[in-house]
Amino acid sequence: MRLLPAASRIASPWKNGGGTTWEIAAQPPGADLSAFDWRLSIAQVATAGPFSVFPGVDRVLTVIAGAGLRLTVEGLGEVVLDEASPPLPFPGDAPASATLDGGPIRDLNLMVRRGTWRGSVRRIDGAATITAEARVSVLVALAPARAGDQVLAAEDALILDPDATLTVDGRLLLIGIDPA
C-alpha cells in the first residue's frame, strides 16, 4: 500500500480557472489535463458557475463536504448532490454548471479516458472489510479513519495493493479504476 497524504498536495487552478483542485493521483504520473488516462482529485467549489469541459472523458463526482450543490448537466438535467448522495457519473464533454445550496463545497472527482478506462466510487461509512478488486484501487478518508494498520487523516489517500483485503473503519470512499 502507498500513502498519499493530503498535506503534500499542491493546489492548482481548474482548467477553466473557476476554482481550485488538488490532484491525488493520475496516470501517467505528471500528465497534464489533456493527456491523462485517468485522474483523481479533490476540488473546492466556492462559487456558482460552469464546470470545465473534458472531451472524451467520463467523470464521477462525489460531494465530500459542505451543504451541497445543484449540478445541471446537459442530457441529465439538474441533480442535487450533498455529503450523503451517491457518486454521480456523467460525461465530461457535456456542458455542466453548478449552484451552491449553502456555501462552498468540496468534491472528489474521478475522470477516466472514455473507451480506455472505467471508474467507480463507493461510499463506506463505518467498519467494513474491503478487497481491492480493481486494477487500481484507492481509499480516500473523508474524516480521520483507519485502513488496516494505517491511520488516515481527512483527505489522505491510500493506493491499495492488488487483491489486498483489509478492514477499514470511518467515512471513506473506495475508488476503482479498470481498463474498459
Protein backbone atom coordinates (compact mmCIF):
# COMPACT_ATOMS: atom_id res chain seq x y z
CA MET A 1 0.00 0.00 0.00
CA ARG A 2 1.13 3.53 -0.69
CA LEU A 3 0.01 6.52 1.39
CA LEU A 4 -0.69 9.79 -0.44
CA PRO A 5 -1.01 12.39 2.34
CA ALA A 6 -3.40 15.29 1.78
CA ALA A 7 -0.85 17.64 3.33
CA SER A 8 1.61 17.04 0.47
CA ARG A 9 -0.78 18.05 -2.36
CA ILE A 10 -0.28 21.27 -4.29
CA ALA A 11 -3.25 23.46 -5.22
CA SER A 12 -3.75 24.32 -8.89
CA PRO A 13 -6.44 26.22 -10.80
CA TRP A 14 -9.23 24.42 -12.61
CA LYS A 15 -8.91 24.03 -16.35
CA ASN A 16 -11.45 26.88 -16.77
CA GLY A 17 -9.91 28.97 -13.94
CA GLY A 18 -13.13 28.90 -11.89
CA GLY A 19 -11.85 27.08 -8.82
CA THR A 20 -9.06 25.15 -7.14
CA THR A 21 -8.12 21.47 -7.36
CA TRP A 22 -5.65 19.18 -5.61
CA GLU A 23 -4.56 16.14 -7.61
CA ILE A 24 -4.43 12.89 -5.63
CA ALA A 25 -3.09 10.66 -8.42
CA ALA A 26 -3.05 10.40 -12.21
CA GLN A 27 -1.92 8.01 -14.90
CA PRO A 28 0.55 8.62 -16.33
CA PRO A 29 2.06 10.45 -13.35
CA GLY A 30 2.52 14.14 -14.07
CA ALA A 31 0.21 14.13 -17.12
CA ASP A 32 -1.41 17.47 -17.85
CA LEU A 33 -5.19 17.91 -18.15
CA SER A 34 -5.21 16.98 -21.84
CA ALA A 35 -3.04 13.85 -21.62
CA PHE A 36 -4.15 11.77 -18.60
CA ASP A 37 -5.57 8.25 -18.88
CA TRP A 38 -7.26 8.74 -15.51
CA ARG A 39 -7.13 11.39 -12.81
CA LEU A 40 -8.35 11.52 -9.20
CA SER A 41 -8.60 14.90 -7.48
CA ILE A 42 -10.36 16.95 -4.82
CA ALA A 43 -11.80 20.34 -5.72
CA GLN A 44 -13.08 23.32 -3.80
CA VAL A 45 -16.22 24.83 -5.36
CA ALA A 46 -16.64 28.28 -3.80
CA THR A 47 -18.96 29.97 -6.30
CA ALA A 48 -21.65 29.02 -8.78
CA GLY A 49 -20.55 28.59 -12.38
CA PRO A 50 -19.64 26.26 -15.22
CA PHE A 51 -17.59 23.10 -14.87
CA SER A 52 -14.56 22.54 -17.08
CA VAL A 53 -15.28 20.54 -20.23
CA PHE A 54 -13.18 17.41 -20.83
CA PRO A 55 -13.80 15.90 -24.29
CA GLY A 56 -13.63 12.09 -24.39
CA VAL A 57 -13.63 11.79 -20.59
CA ASP A 58 -16.15 10.25 -18.20
CA ARG A 59 -16.44 11.73 -14.72
CA VAL A 60 -17.71 10.58 -11.34
CA LEU A 61 -18.39 13.46 -8.93
CA THR A 62 -18.84 12.91 -5.18
CA VAL A 63 -19.58 15.74 -2.73
CA ILE A 64 -17.42 15.18 0.36
CA ALA A 65 -18.02 18.34 2.43
CA GLY A 66 -20.41 21.28 2.53
CA ALA A 67 -24.15 21.87 2.30
CA GLY A 68 -24.41 20.63 -1.27
CA LEU A 69 -24.74 21.74 -4.83
CA ARG A 70 -27.15 21.56 -7.73
CA LEU A 71 -25.40 20.29 -10.81
CA THR A 72 -27.07 20.78 -14.17
CA VAL A 73 -25.61 18.51 -16.86
CA GLU A 74 -26.73 18.62 -20.47
CA GLY A 75 -28.71 15.46 -21.12
CA LEU A 76 -29.18 14.66 -17.40
CA GLY A 77 -30.95 17.76 -16.11
CA GLU A 78 -30.48 19.03 -12.56
CA VAL A 79 -29.14 16.75 -9.83
CA VAL A 80 -28.89 17.75 -6.16
CA LEU A 81 -25.72 16.42 -4.51
CA ASP A 82 -24.62 16.51 -0.86
CA GLU A 83 -22.42 14.51 1.53
CA ALA A 84 -24.94 11.65 1.60
CA SER A 85 -25.65 11.47 -2.15
CA PRO A 86 -24.38 8.58 -4.23
CA PRO A 87 -21.50 9.46 -6.55
CA LEU A 88 -22.74 10.90 -9.87
CA PRO A 89 -21.29 9.62 -13.16
CA PHE A 90 -21.62 11.95 -16.17
CA PRO A 91 -19.84 12.66 -19.46
CA GLY A 92 -17.04 15.18 -19.08
CA ASP A 93 -17.76 16.64 -22.51
CA ALA A 94 -21.37 17.52 -21.58
CA PRO A 95 -21.74 21.17 -20.56
CA ALA A 96 -22.33 21.31 -16.79
CA SER A 97 -22.80 24.10 -14.28
CA ALA A 98 -23.35 24.23 -10.54
CA THR A 99 -25.13 26.38 -8.00
CA LEU A 100 -24.38 26.07 -4.30
CA ASP A 101 -27.07 25.34 -1.70
CA GLY A 102 -25.31 26.90 1.30
CA GLY A 103 -21.75 27.95 0.75
CA PRO A 104 -18.62 26.27 -0.61
CA ILE A 105 -18.35 22.51 -1.06
CA ARG A 106 -15.51 20.07 -1.62
CA ASP A 107 -15.83 17.21 -4.05
CA LEU A 108 -13.88 14.22 -5.20
CA ASN A 109 -13.64 13.98 -8.96
CA LEU A 110 -12.64 10.81 -10.80
CA MET A 111 -12.00 11.28 -14.52
CA VAL A 112 -11.23 8.42 -16.91
CA ARG A 113 -10.47 8.42 -20.62
CA ARG A 114 -13.66 7.05 -22.25
CA GLY A 115 -13.20 3.76 -24.08
CA THR A 116 -9.86 3.11 -22.39
CA TRP A 117 -10.71 3.17 -18.68
CA ARG A 118 -13.80 2.94 -16.48
CA GLY A 119 -14.14 4.08 -12.90
CA SER A 120 -16.35 3.70 -9.88
CA VAL A 121 -16.69 5.38 -6.49
CA ARG A 122 -18.36 3.81 -3.45
CA ARG A 123 -19.04 5.37 -0.05
CA ILE A 124 -18.08 3.46 3.11
CA ASP A 125 -19.46 4.62 6.45
CA GLY A 126 -18.30 2.65 9.47
CA ALA A 127 -16.48 -0.64 9.80
CA ALA A 128 -16.17 -2.86 6.72
CA THR A 129 -13.90 -5.41 5.11
CA ILE A 130 -12.92 -4.48 1.56
CA THR A 131 -10.99 -6.14 -1.23
CA ALA A 132 -9.01 -4.23 -3.86
CA GLU A 133 -10.70 -5.79 -6.88
CA ALA A 134 -9.92 -3.10 -9.48
CA ARG A 135 -6.68 -2.70 -11.43
CA VAL A 136 -6.16 0.47 -9.35
CA SER A 137 -7.96 0.73 -6.00
CA VAL A 138 -7.72 3.88 -3.90
CA LEU A 139 -9.19 4.67 -0.49
CA VAL A 140 -9.79 8.32 0.40
CA ALA A 141 -10.62 9.24 4.00
CA LEU A 142 -13.37 11.85 4.42
CA ALA A 143 -12.54 12.23 8.12
CA PRO A 144 -9.89 10.57 10.30
CA ALA A 145 -10.15 6.83 9.60
CA ARG A 146 -8.34 3.52 9.85
CA ALA A 147 -7.39 1.18 6.98
CA GLY A 148 -5.75 -1.96 8.28
CA ASP A 149 -2.88 -0.73 10.48
CA GLN A 150 -2.76 2.65 8.70
CA VAL A 151 -4.29 5.72 10.36
CA LEU A 152 -5.55 8.21 7.77
CA ALA A 153 -6.14 11.93 8.27
CA ALA A 154 -9.03 13.64 6.46
CA GLU A 155 -8.49 13.54 2.68
CA ASP A 156 -5.46 11.24 2.90
CA ALA A 157 -5.48 8.61 0.15
CA LEU A 158 -4.14 5.07 0.16
CA ILE A 159 -3.38 3.18 -3.05
CA LEU A 160 -4.08 -0.45 -2.25
CA ASP A 161 -2.06 -3.44 -3.38
CA PRO A 162 -3.91 -5.54 -5.98
CA ASP A 163 -6.25 -8.11 -4.38
CA ALA A 164 -5.49 -6.76 -0.89
CA THR A 165 -8.20 -7.38 1.70
CA LEU A 166 -8.31 -5.14 4.74
CA THR A 167 -10.60 -3.91 7.46
CA VAL A 168 -11.46 -0.22 7.36
CA ASP A 169 -13.33 1.99 9.79
CA GLY A 170 -14.57 5.52 9.19
CA ARG A 171 -16.05 7.67 6.45
CA LEU A 172 -14.17 6.71 3.30
CA LEU A 173 -14.50 6.45 -0.45
CA LEU A 174 -13.32 3.37 -2.34
CA ILE A 175 -12.35 4.23 -5.90
CA GLY A 176 -11.88 1.53 -8.54
CA ILE A 177 -10.21 2.14 -11.90
CA ASP A 178 -10.12 -0.63 -14.52
CA PRO A 179 -9.34 -0.96 -18.22
CA ALA A 180 -12.50 -0.60 -20.32
